[in-house]
């Protein structure tokens, strides 16, 4: 995670899943070497930050069906 006082130079390019029909979805972007998630309904609200390793592990779990019982 970036340290306090570090300059935020990258402007995130936010994107939503193509399955997001309502427009009210989770958005994801890459920022300062981290993967960042936010709620599209609150773009100025809090964000979750993950390392690329954490994000890749999560995506592998999704693709493997590890979270299918939650839907």
PDB file of N, CA and C in Angstrom:
ATOM      1  N   UNK A   1       0.848  -1.176   0.000  1.00  0.00           N
ATOM      2  CA  UNK A   1       0.000   0.000   0.000  1.00  0.00           C
ATOM      3  C   UNK A   1       0.891   1.234   0.000  1.00  0.00           C
ATOM      4  N   UNK A   2       0.431   2.305  -0.607  1.00  0.00           N
ATOM      5  CA  UNK A   2       1.242   3.509  -0.661  1.00  0.00           C
ATOM      6  C   UNK A   2       1.373   4.142   0.711  1.00  0.00           C
ATOM      7  N   UNK A   3       2.521   4.763   0.939  1.00  0.00           N
ATOM      8  CA  UNK A   3       2.776   5.369   2.239  1.00  0.00           C
ATOM      9  C   UNK A   3       2.143   6.750   2.312  1.00  0.00           C
ATOM     10  N   UNK A   4       1.947   7.211   3.561  1.00  0.00           N
ATOM     11  CA  UNK A   4       1.387   8.548   3.755  1.00  0.00           C
ATOM     12  C   UNK A   4       2.338   9.578   3.179  1.00  0.00           C
ATOM     13  N   UNK A   5       1.778  10.582   2.564  1.00  0.00           N
ATOM     14  CA  UNK A   5       2.580  11.646   1.991  1.00  0.00           C
ATOM     15  C   UNK A   5       3.095  11.325   0.604  1.00  0.00           C
ATOM     16  N   UNK A   6       2.896  10.097   0.141  1.00  0.00           N
ATOM     17  CA  UNK A   6       3.339   9.739  -1.202  1.00  0.00           C
ATOM     18  C   UNK A   6       2.472  10.475  -2.210  1.00  0.00           C
ATOM     19  N   UNK A   7       3.069  10.915  -3.252  1.00  0.00           N
ATOM     20  CA  UNK A   7       2.353  11.664  -4.270  1.00  0.00           C
ATOM     21  C   UNK A   7       1.539  10.719  -5.139  1.00  0.00           C
ATOM     22  N   UNK A   8       0.274  11.006  -5.298  1.00  0.00           N
ATOM     23  CA  UNK A   8      -0.613  10.207  -6.124  1.00  0.00           C
ATOM     24  C   UNK A   8      -0.557  10.751  -7.546  1.00  0.00           C
ATOM     25  N   UNK A   9       0.198  10.092  -8.414  1.00  0.00           N
ATOM     26  CA  UNK A   9       0.395  10.630  -9.744  1.00  0.00           C
ATOM     27  C   UNK A   9      -0.485   9.969 -10.794  1.00  0.00           C
ATOM     28  N   UNK A  10      -0.880   8.736 -10.593  1.00  0.00           N
ATOM     29  CA  UNK A  10      -1.680   8.031 -11.582  1.00  0.00           C
ATOM     30  C   UNK A  10      -3.154   8.356 -11.413  1.00  0.00           C
ATOM     31  N   UNK A  11      -3.814   8.715 -12.508  1.00  0.00           N
ATOM     32  CA  UNK A  11      -5.251   8.912 -12.483  1.00  0.00           C
ATOM     33  C   UNK A  11      -5.899   7.596 -12.875  1.00  0.00           C
ATOM     34  N   UNK A  12      -6.716   7.022 -11.999  1.00  0.00           N
ATOM     35  CA  UNK A  12      -7.299   5.720 -12.315  1.00  0.00           C
ATOM     36  C   UNK A  12      -8.265   5.773 -13.486  1.00  0.00           C
ATOM     37  N   UNK A  13      -8.230   4.739 -14.299  1.00  0.00           N
ATOM     38  CA  UNK A  13      -9.193   4.555 -15.385  1.00  0.00           C
ATOM     39  C   UNK A  13     -10.203   3.528 -14.880  1.00  0.00           C
ATOM     40  N   UNK A  14     -11.288   4.000 -14.304  1.00  0.00           N
ATOM     41  CA  UNK A  14     -12.281   3.127 -13.685  1.00  0.00           C
ATOM     42  C   UNK A  14     -13.047   2.363 -14.746  1.00  0.00           C
ATOM     43  N   UNK A  15     -13.359   1.092 -14.437  1.00  0.00           N
ATOM     44  CA  UNK A  15     -14.183   0.297 -15.339  1.00  0.00           C
ATOM     45  C   UNK A  15     -15.090  -0.629 -14.541  1.00  0.00           C
ATOM     46  N   UNK A  16     -16.209  -0.971 -15.193  1.00  0.00           N
ATOM     47  CA  UNK A  16     -17.207  -1.856 -14.607  1.00  0.00           C
ATOM     48  C   UNK A  16     -17.273  -3.123 -15.446  1.00  0.00           C
ATOM     49  N   UNK A  17     -17.813  -4.169 -14.857  1.00  0.00           N
ATOM     50  CA  UNK A  17     -18.019  -5.400 -15.604  1.00  0.00           C
ATOM     51  C   UNK A  17     -19.031  -5.157 -16.724  1.00  0.00           C
ATOM     52  N   UNK A  18     -18.853  -5.860 -17.821  1.00  0.00           N
ATOM     53  CA  UNK A  18     -19.795  -5.727 -18.936  1.00  0.00           C
ATOM     54  C   UNK A  18     -21.191  -6.218 -18.555  1.00  0.00           C
ATOM     55  N   UNK A  19     -21.300  -6.999 -17.482  1.00  0.00           N
ATOM     56  CA  UNK A  19     -22.585  -7.498 -17.007  1.00  0.00           C
ATOM     57  C   UNK A  19     -23.332  -6.471 -16.159  1.00  0.00           C
ATOM     58  N   UNK A  20     -22.763  -5.315 -15.939  1.00  0.00           N
ATOM     59  CA  UNK A  20     -23.358  -4.282 -15.095  1.00  0.00           C
ATOM     60  C   UNK A  20     -24.398  -3.501 -15.903  1.00  0.00           C
ATOM     61  N   UNK A  21     -25.625  -3.986 -15.919  1.00  0.00           N
ATOM     62  CA  UNK A  21     -26.682  -3.353 -16.709  1.00  0.00           C
ATOM     63  C   UNK A  21     -27.231  -2.096 -16.042  1.00  0.00           C
ATOM     64  N   UNK A  22     -27.274  -2.079 -14.712  1.00  0.00           N
ATOM     65  CA  UNK A  22     -27.898  -0.961 -14.002  1.00  0.00           C
ATOM     66  C   UNK A  22     -26.984   0.259 -13.897  1.00  0.00           C
ATOM     67  N   UNK A  23     -25.676   0.051 -14.029  1.00  0.00           N
ATOM     68  CA  UNK A  23     -24.729   1.141 -13.827  1.00  0.00           C
ATOM     69  C   UNK A  23     -24.341   1.323 -12.376  1.00  0.00           C
ATOM     70  N   UNK A  24     -24.989   0.595 -11.487  1.00  0.00           N
ATOM     71  CA  UNK A  24     -24.692   0.664 -10.051  1.00  0.00           C
ATOM     72  C   UNK A  24     -23.920  -0.585  -9.660  1.00  0.00           C
ATOM     73  N   UNK A  25     -22.623  -0.522  -9.868  1.00  0.00           N
ATOM     74  CA  UNK A  25     -21.787  -1.704  -9.704  1.00  0.00           C
ATOM     75  C   UNK A  25     -20.471  -1.349  -9.016  1.00  0.00           C
ATOM     76  N   UNK A  26     -19.694  -2.366  -8.793  1.00  0.00           N
ATOM     77  CA  UNK A  26     -18.331  -2.177  -8.307  1.00  0.00           C
ATOM     78  C   UNK A  26     -17.479  -1.748  -9.490  1.00  0.00           C
ATOM     79  N   UNK A  27     -16.632  -0.761  -9.281  1.00  0.00           N
ATOM     80  CA  UNK A  27     -15.694  -0.326 -10.310  1.00  0.00           C
ATOM     81  C   UNK A  27     -14.286  -0.700  -9.865  1.00  0.00           C
ATOM     82  N   UNK A  28     -13.436  -0.991 -10.817  1.00  0.00           N
ATOM     83  CA  UNK A  28     -12.064  -1.392 -10.516  1.00  0.00           C
ATOM     84  C   UNK A  28     -11.103  -0.561 -11.371  1.00  0.00           C
ATOM     85  N   UNK A  29      -9.946  -0.281 -10.805  1.00  0.00           N
ATOM     86  CA  UNK A  29      -8.919   0.475 -11.523  1.00  0.00           C
ATOM     87  C   UNK A  29      -7.557   0.105 -10.954  1.00  0.00           C
ATOM     88  N   UNK A  30      -6.532   0.475 -11.683  1.00  0.00           N
ATOM     89  CA  UNK A  30      -5.173   0.318 -11.169  1.00  0.00           C
ATOM     90  C   UNK A  30      -4.652   1.711 -10.833  1.00  0.00           C
ATOM     91  N   UNK A  31      -4.065   1.833  -9.642  1.00  0.00           N
ATOM     92  CA  UNK A  31      -3.586   3.141  -9.188  1.00  0.00           C
ATOM     93  C   UNK A  31      -2.340   2.946  -8.337  1.00  0.00           C
ATOM     94  N   UNK A  32      -1.272   3.564  -8.759  1.00  0.00           N
ATOM     95  CA  UNK A  32      -0.010   3.526  -8.014  1.00  0.00           C
ATOM     96  C   UNK A  32       0.405   2.099  -7.650  1.00  0.00           C
ATOM     97  N   UNK A  33       0.274   1.200  -8.605  1.00  0.00           N
ATOM     98  CA  UNK A  33       0.704  -0.180  -8.409  1.00  0.00           C
ATOM     99  C   UNK A  33      -0.254  -1.052  -7.624  1.00  0.00           C
ATOM    100  N   UNK A  34      -1.406  -0.521  -7.264  1.00  0.00           N
ATOM    101  CA  UNK A  34      -2.407  -1.267  -6.500  1.00  0.00           C
ATOM    102  C   UNK A  34      -3.667  -1.421  -7.350  1.00  0.00           C
ATOM    103  N   UNK A  35      -4.469  -2.431  -7.026  1.00  0.00           N
ATOM    104  CA  UNK A  35      -5.784  -2.590  -7.620  1.00  0.00           C
ATOM    105  C   UNK A  35      -6.766  -1.950  -6.644  1.00  0.00           C
ATOM    106  N   UNK A  36      -7.616  -1.062  -7.156  1.00  0.00           N
ATOM    107  CA  UNK A  36      -8.514  -0.279  -6.309  1.00  0.00           C
ATOM    108  C   UNK A  36      -9.956  -0.565  -6.719  1.00  0.00           C
ATOM    109  N   UNK A  37     -10.829  -0.761  -5.720  1.00  0.00           N
ATOM    110  CA  UNK A  37     -12.251  -0.987  -5.959  1.00  0.00           C
ATOM    111  C   UNK A  37     -13.053   0.099  -5.266  1.00  0.00           C
ATOM    112  N   UNK A  38     -14.171   0.478  -5.901  1.00  0.00           N
ATOM    113  CA  UNK A  38     -15.077   1.451  -5.292  1.00  0.00           C
ATOM    114  C   UNK A  38     -16.505   1.143  -5.726  1.00  0.00           C
ATOM    115  N   UNK A  39     -17.453   1.728  -5.041  1.00  0.00           N
ATOM    116  CA  UNK A  39     -18.870   1.615  -5.369  1.00  0.00           C
ATOM    117  C   UNK A  39     -19.189   2.718  -6.375  1.00  0.00           C
ATOM    118  N   UNK A  40     -19.726   2.354  -7.522  1.00  0.00           N
ATOM    119  CA  UNK A  40     -20.001   3.357  -8.559  1.00  0.00           C
ATOM    120  C   UNK A  40     -21.036   4.390  -8.116  1.00  0.00           C
ATOM    121  N   UNK A  41     -21.880   4.047  -7.137  1.00  0.00           N
ATOM    122  CA  UNK A  41     -22.877   5.007  -6.641  1.00  0.00           C
ATOM    123  C   UNK A  41     -22.246   6.067  -5.756  1.00  0.00           C
ATOM    124  N   UNK A  42     -21.043   5.792  -5.229  1.00  0.00           N
ATOM    125  CA  UNK A  42     -20.343   6.733  -4.360  1.00  0.00           C
ATOM    126  C   UNK A  42     -18.894   6.889  -4.831  1.00  0.00           C
ATOM    127  N   UNK A  43     -18.686   7.522  -5.977  1.00  0.00           N
ATOM    128  CA  UNK A  43     -17.339   7.606  -6.545  1.00  0.00           C
ATOM    129  C   UNK A  43     -16.335   8.366  -5.669  1.00  0.00           C
ATOM    130  N   UNK A  44     -16.812   9.176  -4.761  1.00  0.00           N
ATOM    131  CA  UNK A  44     -15.901   9.901  -3.868  1.00  0.00           C
ATOM    132  C   UNK A  44     -15.797   9.230  -2.500  1.00  0.00           C
ATOM    133  N   UNK A  45     -16.454   8.088  -2.356  1.00  0.00           N
ATOM    134  CA  UNK A  45     -16.439   7.366  -1.089  1.00  0.00           C
ATOM    135  C   UNK A  45     -15.150   6.584  -0.898  1.00  0.00           C
ATOM    136  N   UNK A  46     -15.170   5.719   0.085  1.00  0.00           N
ATOM    137  CA  UNK A  46     -13.971   4.942   0.395  1.00  0.00           C
ATOM    138  C   UNK A  46     -13.685   3.914  -0.699  1.00  0.00           C
ATOM    139  N   UNK A  47     -12.437   3.511  -0.769  1.00  0.00           N
ATOM    140  CA  UNK A  47     -11.990   2.544  -1.756  1.00  0.00           C
ATOM    141  C   UNK A  47     -11.258   1.415  -1.045  1.00  0.00           C
ATOM    142  N   UNK A  48     -11.294   0.248  -1.642  1.00  0.00           N
ATOM    143  CA  UNK A  48     -10.534  -0.893  -1.161  1.00  0.00           C
ATOM    144  C   UNK A  48      -9.289  -1.022  -2.022  1.00  0.00           C
ATOM    145  N   UNK A  49      -8.138  -1.260  -1.396  1.00  0.00           N
ATOM    146  CA  UNK A  49      -6.863  -1.361  -2.108  1.00  0.00           C
ATOM    147  C   UNK A  49      -6.292  -2.765  -1.944  1.00  0.00           C
ATOM    148  N   UNK A  50      -5.845  -3.348  -3.054  1.00  0.00           N
ATOM    149  CA  UNK A  50      -5.260  -4.686  -3.042  1.00  0.00           C
ATOM    150  C   UNK A  50      -3.970  -4.694  -3.848  1.00  0.00           C
ATOM    151  N   UNK A  51      -3.042  -5.538  -3.426  1.00  0.00           N
ATOM    152  CA  UNK A  51      -1.841  -5.735  -4.236  1.00  0.00           C
ATOM    153  C   UNK A  51      -2.250  -6.534  -5.475  1.00  0.00           C
ATOM    154  N   UNK A  52      -1.400  -6.534  -6.485  1.00  0.00           N
ATOM    155  CA  UNK A  52      -1.724  -7.305  -7.683  1.00  0.00           C
ATOM    156  C   UNK A  52      -1.776  -8.799  -7.359  1.00  0.00           C
ATOM    157  N   UNK A  53      -0.935  -9.276  -6.454  1.00  0.00           N
ATOM    158  CA  UNK A  53      -0.975 -10.692  -6.058  1.00  0.00           C
ATOM    159  C   UNK A  53      -2.304 -11.037  -5.388  1.00  0.00           C
ATOM    160  N   UNK A  54      -2.790 -10.163  -4.498  1.00  0.00           N
ATOM    161  CA  UNK A  54      -4.074 -10.399  -3.841  1.00  0.00           C
ATOM    162  C   UNK A  54      -5.208 -10.424  -4.864  1.00  0.00           C
ATOM    163  N   UNK A  55      -5.185  -9.479  -5.781  1.00  0.00           N
ATOM    164  CA  UNK A  55      -6.228  -9.387  -6.804  1.00  0.00           C
ATOM    165  C   UNK A  55      -6.207 -10.620  -7.703  1.00  0.00           C
ATOM    166  N   UNK A  56      -5.032 -11.022  -8.151  1.00  0.00           N
ATOM    167  CA  UNK A  56      -4.928 -12.188  -9.026  1.00  0.00           C
ATOM    168  C   UNK A  56      -5.413 -13.449  -8.327  1.00  0.00           C
ATOM    169  N   UNK A  57      -5.126 -13.578  -7.041  1.00  0.00           N
ATOM    170  CA  UNK A  57      -5.598 -14.721  -6.270  1.00  0.00           C
ATOM    171  C   UNK A  57      -7.125 -14.722  -6.196  1.00  0.00           C
ATOM    172  N   UNK A  58      -7.719 -13.565  -5.981  1.00  0.00           N
ATOM    173  CA  UNK A  58      -9.173 -13.433  -5.929  1.00  0.00           C
ATOM    174  C   UNK A  58      -9.801 -13.801  -7.268  1.00  0.00           C
ATOM    175  N   UNK A  59      -9.257 -13.286  -8.339  1.00  0.00           N
ATOM    176  CA  UNK A  59      -9.794 -13.573  -9.674  1.00  0.00           C
ATOM    177  C   UNK A  59      -9.676 -15.063  -9.991  1.00  0.00           C
ATOM    178  N   UNK A  60      -8.562 -15.692  -9.627  1.00  0.00           N
ATOM    179  CA  UNK A  60      -8.418 -17.143  -9.836  1.00  0.00           C
ATOM    180  C   UNK A  60      -9.510 -17.896  -9.073  1.00  0.00           C
ATOM    181  N   UNK A  61      -9.808 -17.450  -7.852  1.00  0.00           N
ATOM    182  CA  UNK A  61     -10.863 -18.074  -7.066  1.00  0.00           C
ATOM    183  C   UNK A  61     -12.224 -17.933  -7.725  1.00  0.00           C
ATOM    184  N   UNK A  62     -12.491 -16.777  -8.288  1.00  0.00           N
ATOM    185  CA  UNK A  62     -13.756 -16.556  -9.002  1.00  0.00           C
ATOM    186  C   UNK A  62     -13.854 -17.511 -10.183  1.00  0.00           C
ATOM    187  N   UNK A  63     -12.805 -17.558 -10.992  1.00  0.00           N
ATOM    188  CA  UNK A  63     -12.801 -18.412 -12.186  1.00  0.00           C
ATOM    189  C   UNK A  63     -12.924 -19.889 -11.827  1.00  0.00           C
ATOM    190  N   UNK A  64     -12.427 -20.270 -10.660  1.00  0.00           N
ATOM    191  CA  UNK A  64     -12.499 -21.667 -10.226  1.00  0.00           C
ATOM    192  C   UNK A  64     -13.840 -22.001  -9.566  1.00  0.00           C
ATOM    193  N   UNK A  65     -14.710 -20.999  -9.412  1.00  0.00           N
ATOM    194  CA  UNK A  65     -16.032 -21.239  -8.831  1.00  0.00           C
ATOM    195  C   UNK A  65     -16.062 -21.260  -7.320  1.00  0.00           C
ATOM    196  N   UNK A  66     -15.015 -20.763  -6.679  1.00  0.00           N
ATOM    197  CA  UNK A  66     -14.939 -20.806  -5.208  1.00  0.00           C
ATOM    198  C   UNK A  66     -16.005 -19.969  -4.506  1.00  0.00           C
ATOM    199  N   UNK A  67     -16.601 -19.030  -5.214  1.00  0.00           N
ATOM    200  CA  UNK A  67     -17.583 -18.136  -4.593  1.00  0.00           C
ATOM    201  C   UNK A  67     -18.982 -18.308  -5.173  1.00  0.00           C
ATOM    202  N   UNK A  68     -19.179 -19.334  -5.986  1.00  0.00           N
ATOM    203  CA  UNK A  68     -20.471 -19.533  -6.649  1.00  0.00           C
ATOM    204  C   UNK A  68     -21.631 -19.705  -5.667  1.00  0.00           C
ATOM    205  N   UNK A  69     -21.366 -20.224  -4.483  1.00  0.00           N
ATOM    206  CA  UNK A  69     -22.428 -20.433  -3.506  1.00  0.00           C
ATOM    207  C   UNK A  69     -22.905 -19.125  -2.868  1.00  0.00           C
ATOM    208  N   UNK A  70     -22.205 -18.017  -3.104  1.00  0.00           N
ATOM    209  CA  UNK A  70     -22.575 -16.734  -2.504  1.00  0.00           C
ATOM    210  C   UNK A  70     -23.596 -15.977  -3.344  1.00  0.00           C
ATOM    211  N   UNK A  71     -23.801 -16.353  -4.571  1.00  0.00           N
ATOM    212  CA  UNK A  71     -24.696 -15.627  -5.466  1.00  0.00           C
ATOM    213  C   UNK A  71     -26.057 -16.147  -5.388  1.00  0.00           C
TER     214      UNK A  71
END
